Amino acid sequence: MNYWIIVASKDHVIAGQQGGFCQACHGKKWPLKKMSSGDGVLFYSSKETFGSSTPYQKFTAIGRVKGDNIYRVPMGADFQPYRRDIKFIDCREAKIHPLLTELHFVENPQKWGYKLMNGFLKIDRHDFELISANMTK
């Protein structure tokens, strides 16, 4: 089993929760191909709404990859993002800042955002469990 963080604005995470799916890196296929059924997925929202300049910086959802199917959804003439089904888990949001010194993927707490800039990140079990515990208390 692997563990992942997908970076998406909170409004996009909510849309995924309502539809039972995830997208990563603006609908790219490559991140979803790395995931397997049963993998743990955390959603981190640097912004509350897509295009906003106001920082949000919270983990906003937890889920598990459901099945092996990767599929496309037509959303407009030039936008057909890839998706995977996710079983979302009831949780509350958790701010990232109190966890920075305990997270293994954060090498330098002063530059913690660097690792999340790609929009998709593999993490270890420790980090998944630490963040999940803070979201399910």
Protein backbone atom coordinates (compact mmCIF):
# COMPACT_ATOMS: atom_id res chain seq x y z
CA MET A 1 0.00 0.00 0.00
CA ASN A 2 1.18 3.50 -0.84
CA TYR A 3 0.19 6.92 0.47
CA TRP A 4 -0.24 10.11 -1.50
CA ILE A 5 -0.99 13.81 -1.18
CA ILE A 6 -2.97 15.52 -3.93
CA VAL A 7 -2.87 19.32 -3.89
CA ALA A 8 -6.13 20.94 -4.98
CA SER A 9 -8.17 23.96 -3.96
CA LYS A 10 -10.82 23.20 -1.35
CA ASP A 11 -13.67 23.85 -3.79
CA HIS A 12 -12.21 21.24 -6.15
CA VAL A 13 -11.78 18.77 -3.29
CA ILE A 14 -15.44 19.26 -2.34
CA ALA A 15 -16.50 18.58 -5.94
CA GLY A 16 -14.47 15.36 -5.82
CA GLN A 17 -16.05 14.34 -2.51
CA GLN A 18 -19.53 14.94 -3.89
CA GLY A 19 -18.73 12.88 -7.00
CA GLY A 20 -16.60 10.22 -5.30
CA PHE A 21 -13.51 10.90 -7.43
CA CYS A 22 -10.13 12.59 -7.50
CA GLN A 23 -8.18 14.44 -10.16
CA ALA A 24 -4.54 15.41 -9.87
CA CYS A 25 -2.31 17.99 -11.51
CA HIS A 26 -5.14 19.62 -13.49
CA GLY A 27 -6.53 16.30 -14.71
CA LYS A 28 -3.29 14.62 -15.80
CA LYS A 29 -3.19 10.82 -16.12
CA TRP A 30 0.37 10.17 -14.88
CA PRO A 31 -0.30 10.72 -11.14
CA LEU A 32 -3.38 8.51 -11.17
CA LYS A 33 -1.43 5.69 -12.85
CA LYS A 34 0.93 5.58 -9.86
CA MET A 35 -1.94 4.87 -7.48
CA SER A 36 -3.39 1.43 -6.71
CA SER A 37 -6.67 0.26 -5.26
CA GLY A 38 -6.60 0.67 -1.47
CA ASP A 39 -3.90 3.37 -1.43
CA GLY A 40 -4.41 6.18 1.07
CA VAL A 41 -4.90 9.68 -0.29
CA LEU A 42 -4.75 12.98 1.57
CA PHE A 43 -5.96 16.19 -0.03
CA TYR A 44 -4.09 19.39 0.76
CA SER A 45 -5.63 22.73 -0.18
CA SER A 46 -3.26 25.66 -0.43
CA LYS A 47 -6.23 27.81 -1.50
CA GLU A 48 -9.91 27.69 -0.57
CA THR A 49 -11.07 28.46 -4.10
CA PHE A 50 -9.34 27.86 -7.41
CA GLY A 51 -7.57 31.02 -8.59
CA SER A 52 -7.63 32.69 -5.17
CA SER A 53 -4.50 34.38 -3.87
CA THR A 54 -5.48 33.98 -0.21
CA PRO A 55 -3.60 31.13 1.51
CA TYR A 56 -5.68 28.32 3.06
CA GLN A 57 -2.98 25.73 3.88
CA LYS A 58 -5.06 22.89 5.29
CA PHE A 59 -5.51 19.19 4.72
CA THR A 60 -9.13 19.03 3.61
CA ALA A 61 -10.00 15.38 2.91
CA ILE A 62 -8.89 11.77 3.31
CA GLY A 63 -9.76 8.84 1.09
CA ARG A 64 -8.82 5.45 -0.31
CA VAL A 65 -8.42 4.62 -3.98
CA LYS A 66 -11.38 2.51 -5.06
CA GLY A 67 -10.75 0.06 -7.92
CA ASP A 68 -8.29 0.23 -10.78
CA ASN A 69 -10.24 2.26 -13.32
CA ILE A 70 -8.80 5.53 -14.66
CA TYR A 71 -11.28 7.37 -16.84
CA ARG A 72 -11.78 10.66 -18.67
CA VAL A 73 -14.66 13.06 -18.21
CA PRO A 74 -15.51 15.66 -20.87
CA MET A 75 -15.90 19.03 -19.15
CA GLY A 76 -15.47 21.31 -22.11
CA ALA A 77 -14.16 21.36 -25.65
CA ASP A 78 -10.51 21.33 -24.61
CA PHE A 79 -10.71 19.91 -21.08
CA GLN A 80 -11.20 16.19 -20.47
CA PRO A 81 -9.52 15.41 -17.15
CA TYR A 82 -8.59 11.94 -15.95
CA ARG A 83 -10.16 10.71 -12.72
CA ARG A 84 -10.06 7.84 -10.26
CA ASP A 85 -12.76 6.74 -7.87
CA ILE A 86 -12.14 7.49 -4.19
CA LYS A 87 -13.93 6.35 -1.05
CA PHE A 88 -13.78 9.42 1.14
CA ILE A 89 -13.55 9.12 4.93
CA ASP A 90 -15.39 11.42 7.34
CA CYS A 91 -12.89 13.89 8.77
CA ARG A 92 -12.28 17.48 9.71
CA GLU A 93 -9.71 19.82 8.23
CA ALA A 94 -6.25 20.14 9.77
CA LYS A 95 -3.80 23.00 9.43
CA ILE A 96 -0.39 21.97 8.12
CA HIS A 97 1.69 24.38 10.25
CA PRO A 98 1.45 22.51 13.59
CA LEU A 99 2.65 19.32 11.86
CA LEU A 100 5.63 20.68 9.91
CA THR A 101 8.36 19.56 12.32
CA GLU A 102 6.92 16.04 12.56
CA LEU A 103 6.34 15.32 8.86
CA HIS A 104 9.00 13.20 7.17
CA PHE A 105 8.40 14.71 3.73
CA VAL A 106 9.24 18.18 5.08
CA GLU A 107 13.03 18.41 4.96
CA ASN A 108 13.16 22.08 5.90
CA PRO A 109 10.23 23.56 7.85
CA GLN A 110 11.18 27.02 6.54
CA LYS A 111 10.63 25.82 2.93
CA TRP A 112 7.90 23.25 3.51
CA GLY A 113 5.80 24.28 0.50
CA TYR A 114 8.45 23.27 -2.02
CA LYS A 115 7.53 19.55 -1.88
CA LEU A 116 3.86 20.30 -2.54
CA MET A 117 4.44 22.51 -5.59
CA ASN A 118 4.24 19.55 -7.99
CA GLY A 119 0.64 18.93 -6.94
CA PHE A 120 1.16 15.23 -6.24
CA LEU A 121 3.46 13.65 -3.70
CA LYS A 122 4.14 10.15 -2.41
CA ILE A 123 4.51 10.09 1.38
CA ASP A 124 5.35 7.44 3.93
CA ARG A 125 2.97 5.67 6.31
CA HIS A 126 4.12 7.78 9.28
CA ASP A 127 3.10 11.02 7.56
CA PHE A 128 -0.22 9.57 6.37
CA GLU A 129 -1.08 8.34 9.86
CA LEU A 130 0.04 11.58 11.55
CA ILE A 131 -2.06 13.77 9.27
CA SER A 132 -5.02 11.36 9.34
CA ALA A 133 -4.95 11.26 13.14
CA ASN A 134 -5.14 15.06 13.24
CA MET A 135 -8.11 14.97 10.86
CA THR A 136 -10.11 12.26 12.60
CA LYS A 137 -9.72 13.21 16.30
